[in-house]
N, C-alpha and C. Protein backbone atom coordinates (compact mmCIF):
# COMPACT_ATOMS: atom_id res chain seq x y z
N UNK A 1 0.99 -1.29 0.08
CA UNK A 1 0.02 0.08 0.42
C UNK A 1 0.93 1.23 -0.20
N UNK A 2 0.66 2.77 -1.03
CA UNK A 2 1.40 3.60 -1.08
C UNK A 2 0.50 4.69 -0.01
N UNK A 3 1.33 4.98 0.61
CA UNK A 3 0.40 6.05 1.72
C UNK A 3 1.07 7.66 1.36
N UNK A 4 0.01 8.25 1.07
CA UNK A 4 0.34 9.82 0.85
C UNK A 4 -0.49 10.77 1.90
N UNK A 5 0.18 11.71 2.70
CA UNK A 5 -0.35 12.75 3.96
C UNK A 5 0.29 14.00 2.90
N UNK A 6 -0.78 14.74 2.75
CA UNK A 6 -0.46 16.27 2.26
C UNK A 6 -1.14 16.82 3.13
N UNK A 7 0.01 17.81 3.12
CA UNK A 7 -0.53 19.02 4.05
C UNK A 7 -1.20 20.29 3.27
N UNK A 8 -2.67 20.46 3.54
CA UNK A 8 -3.58 21.58 2.46
C UNK A 8 -3.24 22.88 3.00
N UNK A 9 -2.18 23.97 2.78
CA UNK A 9 -1.93 24.86 3.87
C UNK A 9 -2.79 26.24 3.56
N UNK A 10 -3.70 26.03 2.50
CA UNK A 10 -4.68 27.19 2.51
C UNK A 10 -5.86 26.38 3.73
N UNK A 11 -6.17 27.67 4.50
CA UNK A 11 -7.66 27.25 5.35
C UNK A 11 -8.54 27.95 5.03
N UNK A 12 -9.84 27.89 5.99
CA UNK A 12 -10.70 28.75 5.84
C UNK A 12 -10.95 30.19 6.55
N UNK A 13 -9.44 30.36 7.06
CA UNK A 13 -9.14 31.73 7.50
C UNK A 13 -8.16 32.56 7.32
N UNK A 14 -7.48 33.20 7.55
CA UNK A 14 -6.11 34.03 6.75
C UNK A 14 -5.72 34.61 8.19
N UNK A 15 -4.98 33.86 8.89
CA UNK A 15 -4.07 34.39 9.73
C UNK A 15 -3.01 35.12 10.00
N UNK A 16 -2.25 36.22 10.56
CA UNK A 16 -1.37 37.05 10.05
C UNK A 16 -0.64 36.26 9.80
N UNK A 17 0.76 37.12 8.31
CA UNK A 17 1.56 36.23 8.13
C UNK A 17 2.47 35.73 8.89
N UNK A 18 2.98 36.17 9.57
CA UNK A 18 4.34 35.55 10.46
C UNK A 18 3.41 34.34 11.37
N UNK A 19 2.13 34.36 11.98
CA UNK A 19 2.09 33.20 12.15
C UNK A 19 1.46 31.80 11.33
N UNK A 20 1.23 32.67 9.95
CA UNK A 20 0.93 31.63 8.72
C UNK A 20 2.31 30.69 8.26
N UNK A 21 3.19 31.13 8.35
CA UNK A 21 4.56 30.46 8.51
C UNK A 21 4.83 29.57 9.35
N UNK A 22 4.95 29.73 10.75
CA UNK A 22 4.62 29.11 11.72
C UNK A 22 3.46 27.97 11.57
N UNK A 23 2.51 28.36 11.47
CA UNK A 23 1.41 27.12 11.51
C UNK A 23 1.94 26.14 10.09
N UNK A 24 2.13 26.73 9.18
CA UNK A 24 2.35 26.14 7.79
C UNK A 24 3.67 24.99 7.88
N UNK A 25 4.75 25.31 8.84
CA UNK A 25 5.77 24.81 8.85
C UNK A 25 4.97 23.19 9.59
N UNK A 26 4.51 23.74 10.52
CA UNK A 26 3.74 22.94 12.05
C UNK A 26 3.02 21.82 11.06
N UNK A 27 2.32 22.49 9.84
CA UNK A 27 1.34 21.39 9.32
C UNK A 27 1.82 20.49 8.39
N UNK A 28 3.04 21.04 7.85
CA UNK A 28 4.25 20.30 7.15
C UNK A 28 4.75 19.05 7.99
N UNK A 29 5.37 19.11 8.85
CA UNK A 29 5.88 18.49 9.83
C UNK A 29 5.36 17.54 10.08
N UNK A 30 3.92 17.68 10.45
CA UNK A 30 2.90 16.87 11.18
C UNK A 30 2.37 16.05 9.76
N UNK A 31 2.33 16.42 8.65
CA UNK A 31 1.98 15.70 7.69
C UNK A 31 3.31 14.64 7.08
N UNK A 32 4.41 15.03 7.16
CA UNK A 32 5.64 14.26 6.95
C UNK A 32 5.88 12.92 7.93
N UNK A 33 5.51 13.49 9.85
CA UNK A 33 5.52 12.85 10.44
C UNK A 33 4.42 11.48 10.57
N UNK A 34 3.48 11.88 9.63
CA UNK A 34 2.56 11.08 10.11
C UNK A 34 2.49 9.91 8.78
N UNK A 35 3.25 10.41 8.04
CA UNK A 35 3.17 9.55 6.59
C UNK A 35 4.77 8.32 7.12
N UNK A 36 5.67 8.98 7.72
CA UNK A 36 7.03 8.25 7.80
C UNK A 36 6.73 7.51 9.18
N UNK A 37 5.75 8.04 9.78
CA UNK A 37 6.62 7.25 11.30
C UNK A 37 4.91 6.42 11.94
N UNK A 38 3.83 7.34 11.73
CA UNK A 38 2.64 6.77 11.87
C UNK A 38 2.06 5.82 11.40
N UNK A 39 1.73 6.08 10.15
CA UNK A 39 1.04 5.11 9.10
C UNK A 39 2.08 4.28 8.57
N UNK A 40 3.47 3.88 9.04
CA UNK A 40 4.39 3.39 8.32
C UNK A 40 4.01 2.07 8.43
N UNK A 41 2.81 1.31 9.37
CA UNK A 41 2.76 0.48 9.27
C UNK A 41 1.75 -0.39 8.29
N UNK A 42 1.01 0.46 7.97
CA UNK A 42 0.38 0.56 6.46
C UNK A 42 0.95 0.19 5.38
N UNK A 43 2.23 0.35 5.22
CA UNK A 43 2.78 -0.12 3.67
C UNK A 43 2.22 -1.52 3.95
N UNK A 44 2.54 -2.66 4.39
CA UNK A 44 2.05 -3.92 4.50
C UNK A 44 1.29 -4.31 4.46
N UNK A 45 -0.42 -3.46 4.39
CA UNK A 45 -1.18 -3.80 4.33
C UNK A 45 -1.54 -4.03 2.90
N UNK A 46 -2.86 -4.64 2.45
CA UNK A 46 -2.96 -4.66 1.22
C UNK A 46 -2.41 -5.10 -0.05
N UNK A 47 -2.69 -4.66 -0.92
CA UNK A 47 -1.79 -5.52 -2.30
C UNK A 47 -0.96 -3.73 -2.73
N UNK A 48 0.12 -4.32 -2.92
CA UNK A 48 1.14 -3.11 -3.39
C UNK A 48 0.58 -1.93 -4.39
N UNK A 49 -0.77 -2.04 -5.15
CA UNK A 49 -1.19 -1.39 -5.91
C UNK A 49 -2.02 -0.69 -5.34
N UNK A 50 -2.74 -0.84 -3.88
CA UNK A 50 -3.64 -0.39 -3.00
C UNK A 50 -2.73 1.47 -2.57
N UNK A 51 -3.53 2.79 -2.25
CA UNK A 51 -3.14 3.75 -1.94
C UNK A 51 -4.30 4.24 -0.94
N UNK A 52 -3.52 5.04 -0.18
CA UNK A 52 -4.55 5.65 0.88
C UNK A 52 -3.27 7.01 0.46
N UNK A 53 -4.47 8.00 0.81
CA UNK A 53 -4.25 9.43 0.91
C UNK A 53 -5.39 10.32 1.69
N UNK A 54 -4.49 11.08 2.70
CA UNK A 54 -4.96 11.73 3.57
C UNK A 54 -4.62 13.10 3.56
N UNK A 55 -5.67 14.01 4.27
CA UNK A 55 -5.01 15.83 3.48
C UNK A 55 -4.84 15.74 5.26
N UNK A 56 -4.53 16.70 5.64
CA UNK A 56 -4.11 17.41 6.96
C UNK A 56 -4.14 18.80 6.50
N UNK A 57 -4.80 19.85 7.80
CA UNK A 57 -5.36 21.01 7.24
C UNK A 57 -5.56 21.72 8.67
N UNK A 58 -5.99 22.66 8.77
CA UNK A 58 -6.29 23.29 10.34
C UNK A 58 -7.53 23.78 9.98
N UNK A 59 -8.29 23.75 11.19
CA UNK A 59 -9.61 24.48 11.20
C UNK A 59 -9.72 25.69 11.72
N UNK A 60 -10.46 26.76 12.02
CA UNK A 60 -10.60 28.23 12.32
C UNK A 60 -10.32 27.79 14.01
N UNK A 61 -10.04 26.96 14.94
CA UNK A 61 -9.51 26.96 16.24
C UNK A 61 -8.40 26.81 16.26
N UNK A 62 -7.92 26.51 14.88
CA UNK A 62 -6.26 26.12 14.61
C UNK A 62 -5.88 24.78 15.16
N UNK A 63 -6.95 23.59 15.16
CA UNK A 63 -6.55 22.46 15.72
C UNK A 63 -6.24 21.57 13.94
N UNK A 64 -5.81 20.72 14.18
CA UNK A 64 -4.96 20.16 12.99
C UNK A 64 -6.23 19.13 12.66
N UNK A 65 -6.67 19.04 11.97
CA UNK A 65 -7.67 18.10 11.21
C UNK A 65 -7.12 17.05 9.89
N UNK A 66 -8.05 16.37 9.72
CA UNK A 66 -7.90 15.57 8.48
C UNK A 66 -9.13 14.60 7.85
N UNK A 67 -8.70 14.40 6.83
CA UNK A 67 -9.55 13.45 6.04
C UNK A 67 -9.02 12.39 5.02
N UNK A 68 -9.44 11.04 5.15
CA UNK A 68 -9.13 10.11 3.91
C UNK A 68 -9.95 10.84 2.89
N UNK A 69 -9.21 10.99 1.74
CA UNK A 69 -9.67 11.47 0.14
C UNK A 69 -9.83 10.22 -0.44
N UNK A 70 -9.82 8.96 -0.46
CA UNK A 70 -9.80 7.99 -1.55
C UNK A 70 -10.72 6.81 -0.91
N UNK A 71 -11.25 6.00 -1.54
CA UNK A 71 -11.73 4.96 -0.78
C UNK A 71 -10.92 3.63 -0.27
N UNK A 72 -10.91 3.32 0.92
CA UNK A 72 -10.06 2.38 1.64
C UNK A 72 -10.99 1.62 2.34
N UNK A 73 -10.40 0.78 3.02
CA UNK A 73 -11.53 -0.68 3.37
C UNK A 73 -11.13 -0.05 4.76
N UNK A 74 -12.69 -0.51 5.22
CA UNK A 74 -12.97 -0.02 6.89
C UNK A 74 -11.54 -0.03 7.86
N UNK A 75 -10.95 -1.33 7.79
CA UNK A 75 -10.05 -1.80 8.61
C UNK A 75 -8.65 -0.46 8.64
N UNK A 76 -8.27 0.22 7.76
CA UNK A 76 -7.64 1.23 6.97
C UNK A 76 -8.52 2.42 7.76
N UNK A 77 -9.45 2.83 7.51
CA UNK A 77 -10.13 4.01 7.90
C UNK A 77 -10.23 3.97 9.75
N UNK A 78 -10.50 2.88 10.18
CA UNK A 78 -10.10 2.94 11.39
C UNK A 78 -9.31 3.21 11.94
N UNK A 79 -7.83 2.86 11.31
CA UNK A 79 -6.29 2.50 11.49
C UNK A 79 -6.00 4.08 11.85
N UNK A 80 -6.85 4.86 10.59
CA UNK A 80 -6.38 6.31 10.26
C UNK A 80 -7.05 6.92 11.67
N UNK A 81 -7.99 6.57 11.78
CA UNK A 81 -9.26 7.47 12.70
C UNK A 81 -8.30 7.20 13.85
N UNK A 82 -8.01 6.03 14.64
CA UNK A 82 -7.60 5.60 15.68
C UNK A 82 -6.02 6.67 16.01
N UNK A 83 -5.01 6.18 15.08
CA UNK A 83 -4.07 7.10 14.96
C UNK A 83 -4.04 8.87 15.04
N UNK A 84 -5.02 9.57 14.56
CA UNK A 84 -5.38 10.53 14.18
C UNK A 84 -5.97 10.94 15.38
N UNK A 85 -6.80 10.37 16.44
CA UNK A 85 -7.75 10.61 17.32
C UNK A 85 -6.83 10.77 18.83
N UNK A 86 -5.23 9.70 18.53
CA UNK A 86 -4.38 9.48 19.68
C UNK A 86 -4.01 10.98 19.59
N UNK A 87 -3.06 11.78 18.16
CA UNK A 87 -2.55 12.73 18.21
C UNK A 87 -3.38 13.71 18.37
N UNK A 88 -4.41 13.93 18.71
CA UNK A 88 -5.38 15.08 18.74
C UNK A 88 -5.76 15.40 17.86
N UNK A 89 -5.66 15.12 16.84
CA UNK A 89 -6.23 15.41 15.45
C UNK A 89 -7.65 15.16 15.33
N UNK A 90 -8.87 16.27 14.09
CA UNK A 90 -9.94 16.00 14.61
C UNK A 90 -10.15 15.66 12.90
N UNK A 91 -11.14 15.10 12.44
CA UNK A 91 -11.93 14.46 11.46
C UNK A 91 -12.42 15.52 10.34
N UNK A 92 -11.96 16.07 9.62
CA UNK A 92 -12.22 16.75 8.52
C UNK A 92 -13.61 16.81 8.05
N UNK A 93 -14.45 17.19 8.09
CA UNK A 93 -15.82 16.84 7.23
C UNK A 93 -16.10 17.83 6.50
N UNK A 94 -16.14 17.77 5.10
CA UNK A 94 -16.25 18.11 4.10
C UNK A 94 -16.76 17.17 3.58
N UNK A 95 -17.96 17.71 2.52
CA UNK A 95 -18.34 17.12 1.34
C UNK A 95 -17.34 16.67 0.01
N UNK A 96 -16.49 17.21 0.02
CA UNK A 96 -15.44 16.83 -0.96
C UNK A 96 -14.88 18.14 -1.18
N UNK A 97 -12.96 17.36 -1.48
CA UNK A 97 -12.30 18.01 -0.99
C UNK A 97 -11.31 17.94 -2.46
N UNK A 98 -11.17 19.20 -3.13
CA UNK A 98 -10.35 19.20 -4.31
C UNK A 98 -9.23 20.22 -3.98
N UNK A 99 -7.99 19.76 -4.50
CA UNK A 99 -6.76 20.70 -4.08
C UNK A 99 -6.33 20.45 -5.48
N UNK A 100 -5.55 21.61 -5.76
CA UNK A 100 -4.72 21.81 -6.51
C UNK A 100 -2.88 21.28 -6.33
N UNK A 101 -2.40 21.23 -7.33
CA UNK A 101 -0.88 20.57 -7.32
C UNK A 101 -0.10 21.32 -6.53
N UNK A 102 -0.14 22.43 -5.69
CA UNK A 102 0.90 23.33 -5.14
C UNK A 102 -0.19 23.11 -3.73
N UNK A 103 -1.04 22.63 -3.19
CA UNK A 103 -1.35 22.07 -2.07
C UNK A 103 -2.24 23.33 -1.54
N UNK A 104 -3.02 23.68 -2.43
CA UNK A 104 -3.97 24.81 -2.07
C UNK A 104 -5.18 24.35 -2.40
N UNK A 105 -6.60 24.83 -1.51
CA UNK A 105 -7.95 24.09 -1.75
C UNK A 105 -8.20 25.14 -3.08
N UNK A 106 -8.98 24.17 -3.91
CA UNK A 106 -9.19 24.94 -5.41
C UNK A 106 -10.57 25.69 -5.02
N UNK A 107 -10.74 27.18 -6.03
CA UNK A 107 -11.72 28.06 -5.35
C UNK A 107 -12.82 27.40 -6.12
């Protein structure tokens, strides 16, 4: 299974410029840590052609939120929810998430 975690840098709110840099750096570190450390065990699950894509971003209260953006089995969804919950991340409730290649939300 290929695991990809992407940090979505644009949020529903506009933080101050100096705060935005700190928040974006923190979010990118969190995404990298999720992919390389916390979801590393998933690389042995399923078939090699299976993918897991997770987006992380901030909500308006500066909490990290996550969402799985592709179809995965229930056990993978549970593992992601359990792992993110332990880290204090919340579920990103969106009907549909569309992201451009540069990591920003499509308008």
